[in-house]
N, C-alpha and C. Protein backbone atom coordinates (compact mmCIF):
# COMPACT_ATOMS: atom_id res chain seq x y z
N MET A 1 196.54 141.14 126.18
CA MET A 1 196.02 140.65 124.91
C MET A 1 196.43 141.56 123.74
N VAL A 2 196.48 142.87 124.00
CA VAL A 2 196.91 143.82 122.97
C VAL A 2 198.33 143.49 122.51
N GLU A 3 199.19 143.15 123.48
CA GLU A 3 200.57 142.82 123.14
C GLU A 3 200.65 141.57 122.27
N GLN A 4 199.79 140.58 122.56
CA GLN A 4 199.77 139.35 121.76
C GLN A 4 199.31 139.63 120.33
N ILE A 5 198.29 140.46 120.20
CA ILE A 5 197.79 140.82 118.87
C ILE A 5 198.86 141.53 118.06
N ILE A 6 199.54 142.47 118.68
CA ILE A 6 200.61 143.20 117.99
C ILE A 6 201.73 142.25 117.60
N ALA A 7 202.04 141.28 118.48
CA ALA A 7 203.10 140.31 118.17
C ALA A 7 202.72 139.46 116.96
N HIS A 8 201.46 139.03 116.87
CA HIS A 8 201.01 138.25 115.71
C HIS A 8 201.12 139.08 114.43
N LEU A 9 200.71 140.33 114.52
CA LEU A 9 200.76 141.21 113.34
C LEU A 9 202.19 141.43 112.89
N ARG A 10 203.07 141.64 113.83
CA ARG A 10 204.49 141.86 113.49
C ARG A 10 205.11 140.60 112.89
N GLN A 11 204.71 139.45 113.43
CA GLN A 11 205.25 138.19 112.91
C GLN A 11 204.86 137.98 111.46
N VAL A 12 203.57 138.13 111.16
CA VAL A 12 203.13 137.87 109.80
C VAL A 12 203.65 138.93 108.84
N ASN A 13 203.78 140.17 109.31
CA ASN A 13 204.34 141.22 108.44
C ASN A 13 205.80 140.93 108.12
N ALA A 14 206.54 140.45 109.11
CA ALA A 14 207.95 140.12 108.89
C ALA A 14 208.10 138.96 107.91
N ARG A 15 207.25 137.95 108.07
CA ARG A 15 207.31 136.79 107.18
C ARG A 15 206.87 137.16 105.77
N ARG A 16 205.87 138.04 105.68
CA ARG A 16 205.40 138.49 104.37
C ARG A 16 206.50 139.28 103.64
N SER A 17 207.20 140.13 104.39
CA SER A 17 208.29 140.90 103.80
C SER A 17 209.42 139.98 103.33
N LEU A 18 209.74 138.98 104.14
CA LEU A 18 210.78 138.02 103.76
C LEU A 18 210.36 137.23 102.53
N ALA A 19 209.09 136.81 102.49
CA ALA A 19 208.59 136.07 101.33
C ALA A 19 208.67 136.92 100.07
N GLU A 20 208.39 138.21 100.21
CA GLU A 20 208.48 139.10 99.05
C GLU A 20 209.91 139.21 98.56
N GLN A 21 210.85 139.33 99.48
CA GLN A 21 212.26 139.41 99.12
C GLN A 21 212.73 138.13 98.43
N MET A 22 212.18 137.00 98.84
CA MET A 22 212.55 135.70 98.28
C MET A 22 211.73 135.33 97.04
N GLN A 23 210.87 136.26 96.62
CA GLN A 23 209.99 136.06 95.46
C GLN A 23 209.09 134.83 95.65
N LEU A 24 208.57 134.72 96.87
CA LEU A 24 207.72 133.58 97.20
C LEU A 24 206.25 133.96 97.34
N LEU A 25 205.92 135.25 97.25
CA LEU A 25 204.53 135.65 97.48
C LEU A 25 203.57 135.01 96.48
N ALA A 26 203.93 135.01 95.21
CA ALA A 26 203.05 134.41 94.20
C ALA A 26 202.87 132.90 94.43
N PRO A 27 203.96 132.14 94.68
CA PRO A 27 203.78 130.71 94.98
C PRO A 27 202.95 130.47 96.24
N ILE A 28 203.12 131.32 97.24
CA ILE A 28 202.35 131.17 98.47
C ILE A 28 200.87 131.41 98.20
N GLN A 29 200.57 132.43 97.42
CA GLN A 29 199.17 132.72 97.10
C GLN A 29 198.54 131.60 96.28
N ALA A 30 199.31 131.02 95.36
CA ALA A 30 198.81 129.89 94.58
C ALA A 30 198.55 128.69 95.49
N LEU A 31 199.45 128.48 96.43
CA LEU A 31 199.29 127.39 97.40
C LEU A 31 198.04 127.62 98.25
N GLN A 32 197.86 128.84 98.72
CA GLN A 32 196.71 129.16 99.56
C GLN A 32 195.40 128.96 98.80
N GLN A 33 195.40 129.33 97.53
CA GLN A 33 194.20 129.12 96.72
C GLN A 33 193.90 127.63 96.57
N TRP A 34 194.92 126.84 96.35
CA TRP A 34 194.75 125.39 96.22
C TRP A 34 194.23 124.80 97.53
N GLN A 35 194.78 125.28 98.64
CA GLN A 35 194.36 124.78 99.95
C GLN A 35 192.89 125.12 100.23
N CYS A 36 192.46 126.28 99.80
CA CYS A 36 191.04 126.64 99.96
C CYS A 36 190.15 125.68 99.19
N GLN A 37 190.56 125.36 97.97
CA GLN A 37 189.80 124.41 97.16
C GLN A 37 189.81 123.03 97.81
N ARG A 38 190.93 122.67 98.39
CA ARG A 38 191.03 121.38 99.07
C ARG A 38 190.11 121.32 100.28
N LEU A 39 190.09 122.40 101.06
CA LEU A 39 189.23 122.45 102.24
C LEU A 39 187.75 122.33 101.85
N LEU A 40 187.37 123.05 100.81
CA LEU A 40 185.97 123.02 100.37
C LEU A 40 185.61 121.64 99.80
N ALA A 41 186.57 120.99 99.15
CA ALA A 41 186.33 119.65 98.63
C ALA A 41 186.22 118.63 99.76
N THR A 42 187.10 118.75 100.74
CA THR A 42 187.09 117.82 101.88
C THR A 42 185.81 117.94 102.69
N HIS A 43 185.34 119.17 102.85
CA HIS A 43 184.16 119.43 103.69
C HIS A 43 182.97 119.88 102.85
N ALA A 44 182.85 119.31 101.66
CA ALA A 44 181.81 119.73 100.72
C ALA A 44 180.41 119.59 101.30
N GLU A 45 180.19 118.52 102.06
CA GLU A 45 178.85 118.30 102.61
C GLU A 45 178.45 119.41 103.58
N LEU A 46 179.40 119.80 104.44
CA LEU A 46 179.13 120.89 105.37
C LEU A 46 178.96 122.22 104.64
N ALA A 47 179.86 122.47 103.68
CA ALA A 47 179.86 123.74 102.96
C ALA A 47 178.57 123.97 102.19
N GLN A 48 177.90 122.89 101.82
CA GLN A 48 176.67 123.01 101.04
C GLN A 48 175.43 123.22 101.89
N LYS A 49 175.56 123.09 103.21
CA LYS A 49 174.42 123.34 104.09
C LYS A 49 174.26 124.84 104.29
N PRO A 50 173.07 125.37 104.02
CA PRO A 50 172.86 126.83 104.12
C PRO A 50 173.28 127.43 105.47
N SER A 51 173.05 126.71 106.56
CA SER A 51 173.37 127.24 107.88
C SER A 51 174.86 127.28 108.16
N TYR A 52 175.64 126.51 107.40
CA TYR A 52 177.08 126.44 107.62
C TYR A 52 177.89 127.15 106.55
N ALA A 53 177.29 127.46 105.43
CA ALA A 53 178.03 127.97 104.27
C ALA A 53 178.80 129.25 104.58
N LYS A 54 178.15 130.20 105.28
CA LYS A 54 178.82 131.48 105.59
C LYS A 54 180.01 131.28 106.50
N ALA A 55 179.86 130.41 107.50
CA ALA A 55 180.96 130.16 108.43
C ALA A 55 182.12 129.49 107.71
N MET A 56 181.83 128.54 106.84
CA MET A 56 182.89 127.87 106.08
C MET A 56 183.61 128.86 105.18
N ASN A 57 182.85 129.71 104.50
CA ASN A 57 183.46 130.70 103.62
C ASN A 57 184.29 131.72 104.39
N PHE A 58 183.86 132.06 105.60
CA PHE A 58 184.62 133.00 106.42
C PHE A 58 185.99 132.42 106.76
N PHE A 59 186.01 131.16 107.20
CA PHE A 59 187.29 130.54 107.51
C PHE A 59 188.18 130.47 106.27
N VAL A 60 187.59 130.08 105.16
CA VAL A 60 188.38 129.90 103.93
C VAL A 60 188.87 131.24 103.38
N GLU A 61 187.99 132.23 103.31
CA GLU A 61 188.33 133.49 102.64
C GLU A 61 189.01 134.51 103.55
N GLU A 62 188.61 134.56 104.82
CA GLU A 62 189.10 135.62 105.70
C GLU A 62 190.25 135.19 106.60
N LEU A 63 190.43 133.89 106.79
CA LEU A 63 191.46 133.44 107.73
C LEU A 63 192.52 132.55 107.09
N TYR A 64 192.21 131.98 105.93
CA TYR A 64 193.10 130.93 105.43
C TYR A 64 193.43 131.08 103.95
N GLY A 65 192.82 132.02 103.28
CA GLY A 65 192.96 132.08 101.84
C GLY A 65 194.04 133.02 101.35
N PRO A 66 194.09 133.24 100.02
CA PRO A 66 195.15 134.06 99.40
C PRO A 66 194.87 135.56 99.43
N LYS A 67 193.86 135.97 100.15
CA LYS A 67 193.51 137.39 100.21
C LYS A 67 194.65 138.20 100.81
N ASP A 68 194.84 139.42 100.32
CA ASP A 68 195.87 140.32 100.85
C ASP A 68 195.34 140.98 102.12
N PHE A 69 195.90 140.59 103.26
CA PHE A 69 195.43 141.11 104.55
C PHE A 69 196.27 142.28 105.05
N SER A 70 197.18 142.80 104.23
CA SER A 70 198.10 143.82 104.71
C SER A 70 197.39 145.09 105.16
N GLN A 71 196.33 145.50 104.44
CA GLN A 71 195.61 146.72 104.84
C GLN A 71 194.86 146.49 106.15
N ARG A 72 194.20 145.35 106.27
CA ARG A 72 193.51 145.03 107.52
C ARG A 72 194.48 145.01 108.69
N ASP A 73 195.64 144.39 108.49
CA ASP A 73 196.63 144.31 109.55
C ASP A 73 197.17 145.68 109.93
N ALA A 74 197.38 146.53 108.92
CA ALA A 74 197.86 147.90 109.19
C ALA A 74 196.81 148.67 109.98
N ASP A 75 195.53 148.49 109.62
CA ASP A 75 194.45 149.13 110.36
C ASP A 75 194.46 148.71 111.82
N LEU A 76 194.58 147.41 112.04
CA LEU A 76 194.57 146.89 113.41
C LEU A 76 195.75 147.41 114.21
N MET A 77 196.91 147.46 113.60
CA MET A 77 198.10 147.94 114.29
C MET A 77 197.90 149.38 114.77
N ARG A 78 197.18 150.16 114.00
CA ARG A 78 196.95 151.56 114.34
C ARG A 78 196.00 151.74 115.52
N VAL A 79 194.99 150.91 115.59
CA VAL A 79 193.89 151.20 116.52
C VAL A 79 193.68 150.15 117.61
N ILE A 80 194.51 149.13 117.67
CA ILE A 80 194.21 148.03 118.57
C ILE A 80 194.08 148.45 120.03
N PRO A 81 194.89 149.39 120.56
CA PRO A 81 194.67 149.80 121.97
C PRO A 81 193.29 150.42 122.19
N LYS A 82 192.84 151.24 121.25
CA LYS A 82 191.52 151.85 121.38
C LYS A 82 190.41 150.81 121.18
N LEU A 83 190.66 149.88 120.26
CA LEU A 83 189.67 148.84 120.00
C LEU A 83 189.46 147.99 121.24
N ALA A 84 190.53 147.75 121.98
CA ALA A 84 190.44 146.93 123.19
C ALA A 84 189.53 147.57 124.24
N LYS A 85 189.43 148.89 124.22
CA LYS A 85 188.56 149.59 125.16
C LYS A 85 187.10 149.60 124.70
N ALA A 86 186.89 149.44 123.39
CA ALA A 86 185.53 149.54 122.84
C ALA A 86 184.84 148.19 122.72
N LEU A 87 185.59 147.13 122.47
CA LEU A 87 185.00 145.81 122.24
C LEU A 87 185.02 144.96 123.50
N PRO A 88 184.04 144.06 123.66
CA PRO A 88 184.05 143.13 124.79
C PRO A 88 185.29 142.24 124.75
N ASN A 89 185.69 141.74 125.92
CA ASN A 89 186.90 140.92 126.01
C ASN A 89 186.81 139.68 125.13
N LYS A 90 185.61 139.08 125.05
CA LYS A 90 185.44 137.89 124.20
C LYS A 90 185.76 138.20 122.75
N ALA A 91 185.34 139.38 122.29
CA ALA A 91 185.60 139.77 120.90
C ALA A 91 187.09 139.98 120.67
N MET A 92 187.76 140.59 121.63
CA MET A 92 189.20 140.81 121.50
C MET A 92 189.96 139.48 121.48
N HIS A 93 189.49 138.55 122.29
CA HIS A 93 190.15 137.24 122.31
C HIS A 93 189.97 136.52 120.99
N ALA A 94 188.79 136.66 120.39
CA ALA A 94 188.55 136.04 119.09
C ALA A 94 189.45 136.66 118.02
N ILE A 95 189.62 137.98 118.08
CA ILE A 95 190.52 138.65 117.13
C ILE A 95 191.95 138.16 117.31
N GLU A 96 192.37 138.01 118.56
CA GLU A 96 193.73 137.52 118.83
C GLU A 96 193.95 136.13 118.27
N GLN A 97 192.96 135.25 118.45
CA GLN A 97 193.06 133.89 117.94
C GLN A 97 193.07 133.86 116.41
N ALA A 98 192.24 134.72 115.81
CA ALA A 98 192.19 134.79 114.34
C ALA A 98 193.53 135.23 113.77
N LEU A 99 194.16 136.20 114.41
CA LEU A 99 195.45 136.69 113.92
C LEU A 99 196.57 135.70 114.21
N TRP A 100 196.46 134.97 115.29
CA TRP A 100 197.43 133.89 115.58
C TRP A 100 197.33 132.83 114.49
N LEU A 101 196.10 132.45 114.16
CA LEU A 101 195.89 131.47 113.09
C LEU A 101 196.46 131.96 111.77
N ASN A 102 196.23 133.22 111.46
CA ASN A 102 196.73 133.80 110.22
C ASN A 102 198.26 133.79 110.16
N ALA A 103 198.89 134.16 111.28
CA ALA A 103 200.35 134.21 111.33
C ALA A 103 200.96 132.81 111.22
N LEU A 104 200.40 131.85 111.96
CA LEU A 104 200.92 130.49 111.92
C LEU A 104 200.70 129.87 110.55
N SER A 105 199.53 130.09 109.96
CA SER A 105 199.24 129.52 108.64
C SER A 105 200.17 130.08 107.59
N PHE A 106 200.45 131.38 107.64
CA PHE A 106 201.35 131.97 106.65
C PHE A 106 202.75 131.38 106.79
N ASP A 107 203.20 131.18 108.02
CA ASP A 107 204.52 130.61 108.25
C ASP A 107 204.60 129.19 107.67
N LEU A 108 203.58 128.40 107.89
CA LEU A 108 203.54 127.04 107.34
C LEU A 108 203.42 127.05 105.82
N ASP A 109 202.65 127.99 105.29
CA ASP A 109 202.50 128.09 103.83
C ASP A 109 203.82 128.48 103.18
N MET A 110 204.58 129.34 103.84
CA MET A 110 205.87 129.74 103.30
C MET A 110 206.83 128.55 103.25
N ALA A 111 206.80 127.74 104.31
CA ALA A 111 207.63 126.53 104.33
C ALA A 111 207.20 125.56 103.23
N MET A 112 205.91 125.43 103.02
CA MET A 112 205.40 124.56 101.97
C MET A 112 205.82 125.05 100.58
N ALA A 113 205.73 126.36 100.36
CA ALA A 113 206.10 126.91 99.06
C ALA A 113 207.58 126.64 98.77
N GLN A 114 208.41 126.74 99.80
CA GLN A 114 209.84 126.45 99.63
C GLN A 114 210.06 124.98 99.34
N ALA A 115 209.33 124.11 100.01
CA ALA A 115 209.48 122.67 99.79
C ALA A 115 209.02 122.27 98.39
N LEU A 116 207.97 122.90 97.89
CA LEU A 116 207.44 122.59 96.55
C LEU A 116 208.39 123.06 95.46
N GLY A 117 209.01 124.21 95.68
CA GLY A 117 209.92 124.75 94.66
C GLY A 117 209.21 124.96 93.34
N ASP A 118 209.78 124.44 92.26
CA ASP A 118 209.21 124.60 90.92
C ASP A 118 208.30 123.44 90.50
N VAL A 119 208.06 122.52 91.43
CA VAL A 119 207.23 121.35 91.11
C VAL A 119 205.77 121.80 90.96
N PRO A 120 205.07 121.36 89.91
CA PRO A 120 203.65 121.71 89.76
C PRO A 120 202.84 121.29 90.98
N LEU A 121 201.92 122.15 91.39
CA LEU A 121 201.12 121.89 92.59
C LEU A 121 199.91 121.01 92.27
N ASN A 122 199.86 119.86 92.90
CA ASN A 122 198.71 118.96 92.79
C ASN A 122 198.65 118.14 94.08
N ARG A 123 197.70 117.23 94.16
CA ARG A 123 197.52 116.50 95.41
C ARG A 123 198.73 115.63 95.75
N GLU A 124 199.42 115.12 94.74
CA GLU A 124 200.59 114.29 94.98
C GLU A 124 201.77 115.12 95.49
N SER A 125 202.07 116.23 94.79
CA SER A 125 203.21 117.06 95.21
C SER A 125 202.93 117.74 96.54
N TYR A 126 201.67 118.10 96.77
CA TYR A 126 201.30 118.74 98.03
C TYR A 126 201.53 117.77 99.20
N ALA A 127 201.07 116.54 99.04
CA ALA A 127 201.21 115.56 100.12
C ALA A 127 202.68 115.30 100.46
N LEU A 128 203.51 115.18 99.44
CA LEU A 128 204.93 114.94 99.68
C LEU A 128 205.62 116.13 100.33
N ALA A 129 205.26 117.35 99.89
CA ALA A 129 205.83 118.55 100.49
C ALA A 129 205.36 118.71 101.93
N TYR A 130 204.12 118.37 102.18
CA TYR A 130 203.55 118.44 103.53
C TYR A 130 204.36 117.57 104.49
N ARG A 131 204.65 116.36 104.05
CA ARG A 131 205.43 115.45 104.90
C ARG A 131 206.87 115.95 105.04
N GLU A 132 207.43 116.49 103.98
CA GLU A 132 208.80 117.01 104.04
C GLU A 132 208.91 118.15 105.05
N VAL A 133 207.94 119.04 105.05
CA VAL A 133 207.94 120.17 106.00
C VAL A 133 207.74 119.66 107.42
N GLY A 134 206.85 118.68 107.58
CA GLY A 134 206.62 118.12 108.91
C GLY A 134 205.94 119.12 109.83
N ARG A 135 206.61 119.44 110.95
CA ARG A 135 206.09 120.40 111.93
C ARG A 135 204.72 119.97 112.45
N GLY A 136 204.68 118.71 112.87
CA GLY A 136 203.42 118.14 113.35
C GLY A 136 202.80 118.90 114.50
N ASP A 137 203.62 119.40 115.42
CA ASP A 137 203.09 120.15 116.55
C ASP A 137 202.41 121.44 116.08
N ASP A 138 203.03 122.12 115.12
CA ASP A 138 202.44 123.35 114.59
C ASP A 138 201.14 123.05 113.84
N ARG A 139 201.11 121.94 113.12
CA ARG A 139 199.89 121.56 112.40
C ARG A 139 198.76 121.26 113.39
N ALA A 140 199.10 120.55 114.46
CA ALA A 140 198.09 120.24 115.47
C ALA A 140 197.60 121.53 116.14
N GLN A 141 198.54 122.45 116.38
CA GLN A 141 198.17 123.74 116.98
C GLN A 141 197.24 124.53 116.06
N GLN A 142 197.54 124.50 114.77
CA GLN A 142 196.71 125.19 113.79
C GLN A 142 195.26 124.68 113.84
N ILE A 143 195.10 123.39 113.93
CA ILE A 143 193.77 122.79 113.98
C ILE A 143 193.05 123.18 115.27
N GLN A 144 193.79 123.18 116.38
CA GLN A 144 193.17 123.52 117.66
C GLN A 144 192.77 124.99 117.74
N ILE A 145 193.53 125.86 117.09
CA ILE A 145 193.14 127.28 117.05
C ILE A 145 191.81 127.42 116.32
N VAL A 146 191.67 126.69 115.22
CA VAL A 146 190.41 126.73 114.47
C VAL A 146 189.25 126.26 115.35
N ALA A 147 189.48 125.21 116.12
CA ALA A 147 188.43 124.68 117.00
C ALA A 147 188.02 125.73 118.03
N GLY A 148 189.00 126.33 118.68
CA GLY A 148 188.70 127.32 119.70
C GLY A 148 188.08 128.58 119.12
N LEU A 149 188.58 128.99 117.97
CA LEU A 149 188.08 130.21 117.36
C LEU A 149 186.62 130.09 116.95
N GLY A 150 186.24 128.94 116.42
CA GLY A 150 184.85 128.73 116.04
C GLY A 150 183.91 128.90 117.23
N GLU A 151 184.30 128.32 118.37
CA GLU A 151 183.47 128.43 119.57
C GLU A 151 183.45 129.86 120.10
N GLN A 152 184.59 130.54 120.02
CA GLN A 152 184.65 131.93 120.50
C GLN A 152 183.78 132.86 119.66
N LEU A 153 183.83 132.69 118.36
CA LEU A 153 183.01 133.53 117.48
C LEU A 153 181.53 133.28 117.72
N ALA A 154 181.18 132.03 117.97
CA ALA A 154 179.78 131.72 118.27
C ALA A 154 179.34 132.40 119.56
N ASP A 155 180.24 132.52 120.54
CA ASP A 155 179.93 133.21 121.79
C ASP A 155 179.83 134.72 121.58
N VAL A 156 180.73 135.25 120.74
CA VAL A 156 180.77 136.70 120.52
C VAL A 156 179.45 137.20 119.93
N VAL A 157 178.90 136.47 118.97
CA VAL A 157 177.68 136.95 118.31
C VAL A 157 176.47 136.93 119.26
N LYS A 158 176.61 136.26 120.39
CA LYS A 158 175.52 136.22 121.37
C LYS A 158 175.56 137.40 122.34
N ILE A 159 176.65 138.17 122.31
CA ILE A 159 176.77 139.32 123.21
C ILE A 159 175.71 140.35 122.86
N THR A 160 174.96 140.77 123.84
CA THR A 160 173.88 141.73 123.62
C THR A 160 174.42 143.03 123.01
N GLY A 161 173.86 143.42 121.89
CA GLY A 161 174.20 144.70 121.27
C GLY A 161 175.43 144.67 120.38
N ILE A 162 176.12 143.53 120.25
CA ILE A 162 177.36 143.51 119.47
C ILE A 162 177.09 143.77 117.99
N GLY A 163 175.97 143.24 117.48
CA GLY A 163 175.64 143.49 116.07
C GLY A 163 175.39 144.94 115.80
N LEU A 164 174.66 145.61 116.69
CA LEU A 164 174.38 147.04 116.53
C LEU A 164 175.66 147.85 116.66
N LEU A 165 176.53 147.46 117.59
CA LEU A 165 177.80 148.16 117.77
C LEU A 165 178.64 148.12 116.49
N ILE A 166 178.71 146.95 115.87
CA ILE A 166 179.47 146.81 114.64
C ILE A 166 178.83 147.63 113.52
N LYS A 167 177.51 147.58 113.44
CA LYS A 167 176.79 148.32 112.40
C LYS A 167 177.01 149.83 112.53
N LEU A 168 176.88 150.34 113.74
CA LEU A 168 177.01 151.78 113.96
C LEU A 168 178.44 152.28 113.80
N SER A 169 179.40 151.38 113.92
CA SER A 169 180.80 151.79 113.83
C SER A 169 181.31 151.85 112.39
N ARG A 170 180.48 151.46 111.42
CA ARG A 170 180.95 151.44 110.03
C ARG A 170 181.33 152.84 109.53
N ARG A 171 180.45 153.81 109.74
CA ARG A 171 180.74 155.16 109.24
C ARG A 171 181.99 155.76 109.90
N PRO A 172 182.10 155.72 111.25
CA PRO A 172 183.34 156.22 111.87
C PRO A 172 184.59 155.48 111.37
N ALA A 173 184.45 154.16 111.16
CA ALA A 173 185.60 153.38 110.67
C ALA A 173 186.00 153.84 109.28
N LYS A 174 185.01 154.08 108.43
CA LYS A 174 185.29 154.54 107.06
C LYS A 174 185.97 155.90 107.07
N MET A 175 185.47 156.80 107.90
CA MET A 175 186.04 158.15 107.99
C MET A 175 187.47 158.13 108.53
N ALA A 176 187.75 157.14 109.37
CA ALA A 176 189.09 157.03 109.95
C ALA A 176 190.04 156.20 109.09
N GLY A 177 189.56 155.75 107.92
CA GLY A 177 190.40 154.94 107.05
C GLY A 177 190.57 153.52 107.53
N LEU A 178 189.56 153.01 108.26
CA LEU A 178 189.65 151.68 108.86
C LEU A 178 188.59 150.73 108.30
N LEU A 179 188.16 150.99 107.07
CA LEU A 179 187.06 150.21 106.50
C LEU A 179 187.43 148.74 106.33
N SER A 180 188.66 148.46 105.95
CA SER A 180 189.09 147.08 105.75
C SER A 180 188.95 146.27 107.03
N MET A 181 189.37 146.85 108.15
CA MET A 181 189.26 146.17 109.43
C MET A 181 187.79 145.98 109.81
N HIS A 182 186.98 147.02 109.60
CA HIS A 182 185.56 146.93 109.95
C HIS A 182 184.86 145.84 109.14
N GLU A 183 185.16 145.74 107.86
CA GLU A 183 184.52 144.74 107.01
C GLU A 183 184.89 143.33 107.46
N PHE A 184 186.11 143.16 107.94
CA PHE A 184 186.53 141.86 108.48
C PHE A 184 185.66 141.48 109.68
N LEU A 185 185.45 142.44 110.61
CA LEU A 185 184.61 142.18 111.78
C LEU A 185 183.16 141.93 111.38
N GLN A 186 182.68 142.71 110.41
CA GLN A 186 181.30 142.57 109.96
C GLN A 186 181.06 141.19 109.34
N ARG A 187 182.00 140.74 108.50
CA ARG A 187 181.83 139.45 107.85
C ARG A 187 181.89 138.30 108.87
N GLY A 188 182.73 138.47 109.88
CA GLY A 188 182.79 137.46 110.93
C GLY A 188 181.49 137.36 111.70
N PHE A 189 180.91 138.52 112.01
CA PHE A 189 179.63 138.53 112.72
C PHE A 189 178.53 137.91 111.87
N GLU A 190 178.46 138.30 110.60
CA GLU A 190 177.42 137.78 109.72
C GLU A 190 177.55 136.27 109.52
N ALA A 191 178.80 135.79 109.49
CA ALA A 191 179.03 134.36 109.24
C ALA A 191 178.55 133.49 110.39
N PHE A 192 178.63 134.01 111.62
CA PHE A 192 178.36 133.16 112.78
C PHE A 192 177.06 133.47 113.51
N LYS A 193 176.37 134.54 113.14
CA LYS A 193 175.18 134.91 113.90
C LYS A 193 174.04 133.90 113.73
N ASP A 194 173.99 133.21 112.60
CA ASP A 194 172.91 132.25 112.36
C ASP A 194 173.41 130.80 112.34
N LEU A 195 174.58 130.58 112.90
CA LEU A 195 175.19 129.24 112.80
C LEU A 195 174.44 128.19 113.60
N GLY A 196 173.87 128.58 114.74
CA GLY A 196 173.17 127.59 115.56
C GLY A 196 174.13 126.76 116.39
N ASN A 197 174.08 125.47 116.26
CA ASN A 197 174.92 124.56 117.04
C ASN A 197 176.33 124.55 116.46
N VAL A 198 177.23 125.32 117.09
CA VAL A 198 178.58 125.45 116.55
C VAL A 198 179.34 124.13 116.60
N LYS A 199 179.08 123.31 117.62
CA LYS A 199 179.81 122.04 117.73
C LYS A 199 179.48 121.11 116.56
N ALA A 200 178.25 121.17 116.07
CA ALA A 200 177.86 120.33 114.93
C ALA A 200 178.59 120.74 113.67
N PHE A 201 179.05 121.98 113.63
CA PHE A 201 179.83 122.47 112.50
C PHE A 201 181.33 122.23 112.69
N ILE A 202 181.82 122.60 113.87
CA ILE A 202 183.27 122.57 114.11
C ILE A 202 183.81 121.16 114.32
N GLU A 203 183.12 120.35 115.09
CA GLU A 203 183.67 119.04 115.47
C GLU A 203 183.95 118.12 114.27
N PRO A 204 183.06 118.02 113.27
CA PRO A 204 183.40 117.20 112.11
C PRO A 204 184.61 117.74 111.34
N VAL A 205 184.73 119.06 111.27
CA VAL A 205 185.88 119.67 110.58
C VAL A 205 187.17 119.31 111.31
N ILE A 206 187.16 119.47 112.63
CA ILE A 206 188.37 119.20 113.42
C ILE A 206 188.75 117.72 113.35
N ALA A 207 187.77 116.85 113.45
CA ALA A 207 188.04 115.41 113.40
C ALA A 207 188.64 115.02 112.05
N THR A 208 188.07 115.55 110.96
CA THR A 208 188.56 115.21 109.62
C THR A 208 189.95 115.76 109.39
N GLU A 209 190.18 117.02 109.78
CA GLU A 209 191.48 117.64 109.58
C GLU A 209 192.56 116.97 110.43
N THR A 210 192.21 116.56 111.63
CA THR A 210 193.17 115.86 112.50
C THR A 210 193.58 114.53 111.88
N ALA A 211 192.60 113.77 111.40
CA ALA A 211 192.89 112.48 110.77
C ALA A 211 193.73 112.66 109.51
N LEU A 212 193.41 113.69 108.74
CA LEU A 212 194.16 113.98 107.51
C LEU A 212 195.60 114.33 107.84
N ASN A 213 195.80 115.18 108.83
CA ASN A 213 197.14 115.59 109.24
C ASN A 213 197.96 114.38 109.70
N GLN A 214 197.35 113.54 110.50
CA GLN A 214 198.05 112.37 111.03
C GLN A 214 198.46 111.42 109.90
N LYS A 215 197.59 111.23 108.93
CA LYS A 215 197.90 110.32 107.84
C LYS A 215 198.99 110.88 106.93
N LEU A 216 198.93 112.18 106.67
CA LEU A 216 199.95 112.80 105.82
C LEU A 216 201.33 112.74 106.45
N LEU A 217 201.39 112.76 107.78
CA LEU A 217 202.68 112.77 108.48
C LEU A 217 203.12 111.38 108.94
N ALA A 218 202.24 110.39 108.85
CA ALA A 218 202.59 109.04 109.33
C ALA A 218 203.64 108.41 108.43
N PRO A 219 204.81 108.04 108.97
CA PRO A 219 205.89 107.50 108.14
C PRO A 219 205.56 106.15 107.50
N ASP A 220 204.60 105.43 108.08
CA ASP A 220 204.27 104.11 107.53
C ASP A 220 203.21 104.18 106.43
N VAL A 221 202.75 105.38 106.10
CA VAL A 221 201.76 105.54 105.03
C VAL A 221 202.48 105.91 103.74
N ASN A 222 202.28 105.13 102.71
CA ASN A 222 202.87 105.40 101.40
C ASN A 222 201.94 106.39 100.67
N LEU A 223 202.37 107.64 100.59
CA LEU A 223 201.51 108.68 100.05
C LEU A 223 201.24 108.54 98.56
N THR A 224 202.07 107.82 97.85
CA THR A 224 201.81 107.62 96.43
C THR A 224 200.68 106.61 96.21
N GLU A 225 200.42 105.77 97.22
CA GLU A 225 199.37 104.76 97.11
C GLU A 225 198.16 105.06 98.00
N GLU A 226 198.37 105.80 99.09
CA GLU A 226 197.29 106.06 100.06
C GLU A 226 197.15 107.56 100.32
N ASN A 227 197.15 108.34 99.28
CA ASN A 227 197.03 109.79 99.45
C ASN A 227 195.63 110.13 99.96
N PRO A 228 195.53 110.75 101.17
CA PRO A 228 194.21 111.03 101.74
C PRO A 228 193.56 112.31 101.22
N LEU A 229 194.26 113.05 100.39
CA LEU A 229 193.73 114.31 99.89
C LEU A 229 192.70 114.10 98.78
N PRO A 230 191.69 114.95 98.71
CA PRO A 230 190.70 114.83 97.65
C PRO A 230 191.29 115.33 96.33
N HIS A 231 190.67 114.97 95.23
CA HIS A 231 191.08 115.48 93.94
C HIS A 231 190.57 116.92 93.80
N VAL A 232 191.47 117.83 93.54
CA VAL A 232 191.14 119.26 93.43
C VAL A 232 191.43 119.73 92.03
């Protein structure tokens, strides 16, 4: 699992460096911000429920948004072998899935930014660029990672003592220069500890995103007349 985590980190770092060389970082960040707004608009009913709001914000801000994750990734690269010895296997698997999602999403976002070019970003241009990029298998994989990750995080927060372990590790993490990584773990724990029935949260999201993906990629759907995206 350590090798998989390192591979995800190396992949996203390589793509981020390439995007910087191609002067695509700013367009990618603008795209990611728009996508966050789109996600919140699509799932507004869920996002407004107090029991789901933290989990929704965690996915949007920590896994899918325009936030600069380079420091967190550098922290993880430094300590991942030691972290694997300290954290339960379920927690390590959740971290691996989160980083896989991050790497795959960045790769797709980079392709989208290239497809959009200088065209203003809105629901019409986004839908057309989405179809141009295609990569239906990768889009389906992205959705399935989200589904699995939600269930894994819900399991992790049930591990006896995990909350105390994270809390007590803050000071050592800060002293070791690993505060960014620790805050990521802390926010994930806080987001899912009070979620309750994870399936009631995850399943509507997955069903909606799957239907949206299928419609955006369906060749028989005229996106100028049947755009499934919300107004953002």
